[in-house]
Structures are given as C-alpha cells and as structure tokens.
PDB file of N, CA and C in Angstrom:
ATOM      1  N   UNK A   1     108.613 102.188  88.428  1.00  0.00           N
ATOM      2  CA  UNK A   1     109.828 102.090  89.077  1.00  0.00           C
ATOM      3  C   UNK A   1     109.644 101.758  90.497  1.00  0.00           C
ATOM      4  N   UNK A   2     108.444 102.784  91.151  1.00  0.00           N
ATOM      5  CA  UNK A   2     108.077 102.486  92.533  1.00  0.00           C
ATOM      6  C   UNK A   2     107.739 101.091  93.093  1.00  0.00           C
ATOM      7  N   UNK A   3     107.464 100.329  92.020  1.00  0.00           N
ATOM      8  CA  UNK A   3     107.244  98.942  92.939  1.00  0.00           C
ATOM      9  C   UNK A   3     108.579  98.184  92.886  1.00  0.00           C
ATOM     10  N   UNK A   4     109.788  98.449  92.073  1.00  0.00           N
ATOM     11  CA  UNK A   4     111.247  98.163  92.483  1.00  0.00           C
ATOM     12  C   UNK A   4     111.543  98.699  93.738  1.00  0.00           C
ATOM     13  N   UNK A   5     111.662  99.883  94.071  1.00  0.00           N
ATOM     14  CA  UNK A   5     111.901 100.502  95.020  1.00  0.00           C
ATOM     15  C   UNK A   5     111.291 100.033  96.220  1.00  0.00           C
ATOM     16  N   UNK A   6     110.076  99.655  96.265  1.00  0.00           N
ATOM     17  CA  UNK A   6     109.541  98.938  97.473  1.00  0.00           C
ATOM     18  C   UNK A   6     109.955  97.660  97.419  1.00  0.00           C
ATOM     19  N   UNK A   7     110.024  96.829  96.918  1.00  0.00           N
ATOM     20  CA  UNK A   7     110.715  95.652  96.828  1.00  0.00           C
ATOM     21  C   UNK A   7     111.983  95.818  97.370  1.00  0.00           C
ATOM     22  N   UNK A   8     112.598  96.572  97.161  1.00  0.00           N
ATOM     23  CA  UNK A   8     114.128  96.942  97.411  1.00  0.00           C
ATOM     24  C   UNK A   8     113.974  97.341  99.145  1.00  0.00           C
ATOM     25  N   UNK A   9     113.341  98.009  99.218  1.00  0.00           N
ATOM     26  CA  UNK A   9     113.256  98.541 100.716  1.00  0.00           C
ATOM     27  C   UNK A   9     112.652  97.162 101.613  1.00  0.00           C
ATOM     28  N   UNK A  10     111.715  96.599 100.826  1.00  0.00           N
ATOM     29  CA  UNK A  10     110.914  95.533 101.690  1.00  0.00           C
ATOM     30  C   UNK A  10     112.307  94.235 102.113  1.00  0.00           C
ATOM     31  N   UNK A  11     112.872  94.062 101.006  1.00  0.00           N
ATOM     32  CA  UNK A  11     114.331  93.214 101.074  1.00  0.00           C
ATOM     33  C   UNK A  11     115.306  93.492 102.073  1.00  0.00           C
ATOM     34  N   UNK A  12     115.279  95.050 101.877  1.00  0.00           N
ATOM     35  CA  UNK A  12     116.473  95.601 103.117  1.00  0.00           C
ATOM     36  C   UNK A  12     116.016  95.496 104.542  1.00  0.00           C
ATOM     37  N   UNK A  13     114.450  95.869 104.401  1.00  0.00           N
ATOM     38  CA  UNK A  13     114.042  95.458 106.229  1.00  0.00           C
ATOM     39  C   UNK A  13     114.427  94.008 106.841  1.00  0.00           C
ATOM     40  N   UNK A  14     113.773  93.303 105.852  1.00  0.00           N
ATOM     41  CA  UNK A  14     113.795  91.796 105.877  1.00  0.00           C
ATOM     42  C   UNK A  14     115.353  91.118 106.315  1.00  0.00           C
ATOM     43  N   UNK A  15     116.355  91.862 105.674  1.00  0.00           N
ATOM     44  CA  UNK A  15     117.637  91.366 105.855  1.00  0.00           C
ATOM     45  C   UNK A  15     118.342  91.535 107.292  1.00  0.00           C
ATOM     46  N   UNK A  16     117.758  92.735 108.016  1.00  0.00           N
ATOM     47  CA  UNK A  16     117.914  92.928 108.918  1.00  0.00           C
ATOM     48  C   UNK A  16     116.970  92.691 110.116  1.00  0.00           C
ATOM     49  N   UNK A  17     115.979  92.052 110.007  1.00  0.00           N
ATOM     50  CA  UNK A  17     115.211  91.321 110.754  1.00  0.00           C
ATOM     51  C   UNK A  17     113.706  92.232 111.239  1.00  0.00           C
ATOM     52  N   UNK A  18     113.605  93.305 110.294  1.00  0.00           N
ATOM     53  CA  UNK A  18     112.631  94.090 110.471  1.00  0.00           C
ATOM     54  C   UNK A  18     111.166  93.549 109.845  1.00  0.00           C
ATOM     55  N   UNK A  19     110.109  93.062 110.071  1.00  0.00           N
ATOM     56  CA  UNK A  19     109.060  92.869 109.094  1.00  0.00           C
ATOM     57  C   UNK A  19     108.166  93.997 108.610  1.00  0.00           C
ATOM     58  N   UNK A  20     107.371  93.555 107.877  1.00  0.00           N
ATOM     59  CA  UNK A  20     106.841  94.439 106.832  1.00  0.00           C
ATOM     60  C   UNK A  20     105.285  94.993 107.369  1.00  0.00           C
ATOM     61  N   UNK A  21     105.309  96.061 107.668  1.00  0.00           N
ATOM     62  CA  UNK A  21     103.996  96.628 108.442  1.00  0.00           C
ATOM     63  C   UNK A  21     102.712  96.444 107.377  1.00  0.00           C
ATOM     64  N   UNK A  22     102.858  96.739 106.175  1.00  0.00           N
ATOM     65  CA  UNK A  22     102.188  97.013 105.025  1.00  0.00           C
ATOM     66  C   UNK A  22     101.742  95.117 104.595  1.00  0.00           C
ATOM     67  N   UNK A  23     102.544  94.253 104.935  1.00  0.00           N
ATOM     68  CA  UNK A  23     102.369  92.822 104.467  1.00  0.00           C
ATOM     69  C   UNK A  23     101.419  92.316 106.010  1.00  0.00           C
ATOM     70  N   UNK A  24     101.818  92.780 106.910  1.00  0.00           N
ATOM     71  CA  UNK A  24     101.005  92.741 108.132  1.00  0.00           C
ATOM     72  C   UNK A  24      99.304  93.099 107.862  1.00  0.00           C
ATOM     73  N   UNK A  25      99.642  94.387 107.672  1.00  0.00           N
ATOM     74  CA  UNK A  25      97.986  94.869 107.153  1.00  0.00           C
ATOM     75  C   UNK A  25      97.075  94.143 106.218  1.00  0.00           C
ATOM     76  N   UNK A  26      97.951  93.611 105.159  1.00  0.00           N
ATOM     77  CA  UNK A  26      97.148  92.782 103.947  1.00  0.00           C
ATOM     78  C   UNK A  26      96.847  91.758 104.587  1.00  0.00           C
ATOM     79  N   UNK A  27      97.873  90.941 105.416  1.00  0.00           N
ATOM     80  CA  UNK A  27      97.370  89.931 105.768  1.00  0.00           C
ATOM     81  C   UNK A  27      96.293  89.589 106.978  1.00  0.00           C
ATOM     82  N   UNK A  28      96.302  90.461 107.773  1.00  0.00           N
ATOM     83  CA  UNK A  28      95.331  90.641 108.881  1.00  0.00           C
ATOM     84  C   UNK A  28      93.785  91.064 108.070  1.00  0.00           C
ATOM     85  N   UNK A  29      94.011  91.796 106.648  1.00  0.00           N
ATOM     86  CA  UNK A  29      92.505  92.164 106.043  1.00  0.00           C
ATOM     87  C   UNK A  29      92.029  90.952 105.592  1.00  0.00           C
ATOM     88  N   UNK A  30      92.864  90.225 104.826  1.00  0.00           N
ATOM     89  CA  UNK A  30      92.310  88.881 104.423  1.00  0.00           C
ATOM     90  C   UNK A  30      92.333  87.902 105.023  1.00  0.00           C
ATOM     91  N   UNK A  31      92.867  87.557 106.101  1.00  0.00           N
ATOM     92  CA  UNK A  31      92.418  86.424 107.274  1.00  0.00           C
ATOM     93  C   UNK A  31      92.034  86.391 108.226  1.00  0.00           C
ATOM     94  N   UNK A  32      91.923  87.890 108.639  1.00  0.00           N
ATOM     95  CA  UNK A  32      91.590  87.845 110.090  1.00  0.00           C
ATOM     96  C   UNK A  32      91.253  89.316 110.401  1.00  0.00           C
ATOM     97  N   UNK A  33      89.967  89.534 109.404  1.00  0.00           N
ATOM     98  CA  UNK A  33      89.485  90.754 109.480  1.00  0.00           C
ATOM     99  C   UNK A  33      88.892  91.266 110.931  1.00  0.00           C
ATOM    100  N   UNK A  34      88.404  90.472 111.644  1.00  0.00           N
ATOM    101  CA  UNK A  34      87.734  90.738 112.733  1.00  0.00           C
ATOM    102  C   UNK A  34      88.778  91.276 114.007  1.00  0.00           C
ATOM    103  N   UNK A  35      90.040  91.010 113.893  1.00  0.00           N
ATOM    104  CA  UNK A  35      91.110  91.452 114.598  1.00  0.00           C
ATOM    105  C   UNK A  35      91.349  93.053 114.520  1.00  0.00           C
ATOM    106  N   UNK A  36      91.306  93.659 115.762  1.00  0.00           N
ATOM    107  CA  UNK A  36      91.994  94.831 115.528  1.00  0.00           C
ATOM    108  C   UNK A  36      93.321  95.100 114.676  1.00  0.00           C
ATOM    109  N   UNK A  37      93.519  96.239 114.309  1.00  0.00           N
ATOM    110  CA  UNK A  37      94.776  96.128 113.801  1.00  0.00           C
ATOM    111  C   UNK A  37      95.935  97.165 114.410  1.00  0.00           C
ATOM    112  N   UNK A  38      96.973  96.749 114.677  1.00  0.00           N
ATOM    113  CA  UNK A  38      98.086  97.309 115.544  1.00  0.00           C
ATOM    114  C   UNK A  38      98.423  98.735 114.886  1.00  0.00           C
ATOM    115  N   UNK A  39      98.654  99.480 115.646  1.00  0.00           N
ATOM    116  CA  UNK A  39      99.777 100.856 115.030  1.00  0.00           C
ATOM    117  C   UNK A  39     100.918 100.463 114.679  1.00  0.00           C
ATOM    118  N   UNK A  40     101.529 101.135 113.740  1.00  0.00           N
ATOM    119  CA  UNK A  40     102.651 100.656 112.995  1.00  0.00           C
ATOM    120  C   UNK A  40     103.675 100.559 114.485  1.00  0.00           C
ATOM    121  N   UNK A  41     103.629 101.474 115.521  1.00  0.00           N
ATOM    122  CA  UNK A  41     104.616 101.450 116.775  1.00  0.00           C
ATOM    123  C   UNK A  41     104.302 100.168 117.334  1.00  0.00           C
ATOM    124  N   UNK A  42     103.038  99.640 117.595  1.00  0.00           N
ATOM    125  CA  UNK A  42     102.658  98.623 118.540  1.00  0.00           C
ATOM    126  C   UNK A  42     103.024  97.534 117.400  1.00  0.00           C
ATOM    127  N   UNK A  43     103.223  97.420 116.161  1.00  0.00           N
ATOM    128  CA  UNK A  43     103.393  96.193 115.455  1.00  0.00           C
ATOM    129  C   UNK A  43     104.821  96.079 115.822  1.00  0.00           C
ATOM    130  N   UNK A  44     105.921  97.038 115.657  1.00  0.00           N
ATOM    131  CA  UNK A  44     106.984  96.936 115.372  1.00  0.00           C
ATOM    132  C   UNK A  44     107.631  96.332 117.280  1.00  0.00           C
ATOM    133  N   UNK A  45     106.911  96.764 118.031  1.00  0.00           N
ATOM    134  CA  UNK A  45     107.028  96.379 119.292  1.00  0.00           C
ATOM    135  C   UNK A  45     106.724  95.123 119.638  1.00  0.00           C
ATOM    136  N   UNK A  46     106.002  94.661 119.130  1.00  0.00           N
ATOM    137  CA  UNK A  46     105.216  93.206 119.196  1.00  0.00           C
ATOM    138  C   UNK A  46     106.461  92.220 118.595  1.00  0.00           C
ATOM    139  N   UNK A  47     106.714  92.519 117.350  1.00  0.00           N
ATOM    140  CA  UNK A  47     107.436  91.846 116.551  1.00  0.00           C
ATOM    141  C   UNK A  47     109.053  91.806 116.902  1.00  0.00           C
ATOM    142  N   UNK A  48     109.387  93.047 118.018  1.00  0.00           N
ATOM    143  CA  UNK A  48     110.662  92.655 118.551  1.00  0.00           C
ATOM    144  C   UNK A  48     110.446  91.798 119.471  1.00  0.00           C
ATOM    145  N   UNK A  49     109.709  91.688 120.464  1.00  0.00           N
ATOM    146  CA  UNK A  49     109.541  91.001 121.664  1.00  0.00           C
ATOM    147  C   UNK A  49     109.315  89.669 121.214  1.00  0.00           C
ATOM    148  N   UNK A  50     108.735  89.202 119.983  1.00  0.00           N
ATOM    149  CA  UNK A  50     108.470  88.097 119.686  1.00  0.00           C
ATOM    150  C   UNK A  50     109.856  87.421 119.361  1.00  0.00           C
ATOM    151  N   UNK A  51     110.927  88.271 118.758  1.00  0.00           N
ATOM    152  CA  UNK A  51     112.025  87.777 117.909  1.00  0.00           C
ATOM    153  C   UNK A  51     112.549  87.799 119.191  1.00  0.00           C
ATOM    154  N   UNK A  52     112.705  88.217 120.361  1.00  0.00           N
ATOM    155  CA  UNK A  52     113.867  88.313 121.237  1.00  0.00           C
ATOM    156  C   UNK A  52     113.487  87.184 122.520  1.00  0.00           C
ATOM    157  N   UNK A  53     112.049  86.954 122.417  1.00  0.00           N
ATOM    158  CA  UNK A  53     111.690  85.802 123.487  1.00  0.00           C
ATOM    159  C   UNK A  53     111.413  84.529 123.227  1.00  0.00           C
ATOM    160  N   UNK A  54     112.219  84.496 121.908  1.00  0.00           N
ATOM    161  CA  UNK A  54     111.906  83.226 121.152  1.00  0.00           C
ATOM    162  C   UNK A  54     110.942  82.577 120.377  1.00  0.00           C
ATOM    163  N   UNK A  55     109.994  83.006 120.604  1.00  0.00           N
ATOM    164  CA  UNK A  55     108.885  82.559 119.475  1.00  0.00           C
ATOM    165  C   UNK A  55     108.967  82.958 117.945  1.00  0.00           C
ATOM    166  N   UNK A  56     108.193  82.396 117.157  1.00  0.00           N
ATOM    167  CA  UNK A  56     108.273  82.390 115.476  1.00  0.00           C
ATOM    168  C   UNK A  56     107.785  83.863 115.532  1.00  0.00           C
ATOM    169  N   UNK A  57     106.606  84.156 116.279  1.00  0.00           N
ATOM    170  CA  UNK A  57     106.265  85.552 115.676  1.00  0.00           C
ATOM    171  C   UNK A  57     105.004  85.235 114.757  1.00  0.00           C
ATOM    172  N   UNK A  58     104.316  84.038 114.353  1.00  0.00           N
ATOM    173  CA  UNK A  58     103.375  83.880 113.344  1.00  0.00           C
ATOM    174  C   UNK A  58     102.053  83.448 113.804  1.00  0.00           C
ATOM    175  N   UNK A  59     100.870  83.728 113.282  1.00  0.00           N
ATOM    176  CA  UNK A  59      99.555  83.783 113.788  1.00  0.00           C
ATOM    177  C   UNK A  59      99.222  82.650 113.357  1.00  0.00           C
ATOM    178  N   UNK A  60      99.427  82.274 111.973  1.00  0.00           N
ATOM    179  CA  UNK A  60      99.078  81.002 111.573  1.00  0.00           C
ATOM    180  C   UNK A  60     100.052  80.399 110.824  1.00  0.00           C
TER     181      UNK A  60
END
C-alpha cells in the first residue's frame, strides 16, 4: 500500500508543478555520480528558478 501512496503523492506534486526530489537523487546517482547532490531546499529553489525563467529544467 505504501507504493500506491507514494505514487499518489508523486502524481499530486507533479500536477501542481513540483518535481520529485527522490527521482532527482536516483537520476543523479544513475547518470551523473560525479556531481554533488543538492539539498532538498536547493533542489526546490533550483526547480522553481528554472520553471519561472522559461528553461525546460532538464540536464539531459
């Protein structure tokens, strides 16, 4: 059941435009292990800045 709740929370965050920090950490570990990991607060500030400056916010 916790998997379902996690998916619902992720869906709700995405619906309001809030990206998933855990997915970011997994992506970084899988594809960019040499990069430092942002804190949760840094991540959300970075995503908000990318959203409102018109960038697509993707690294690859």
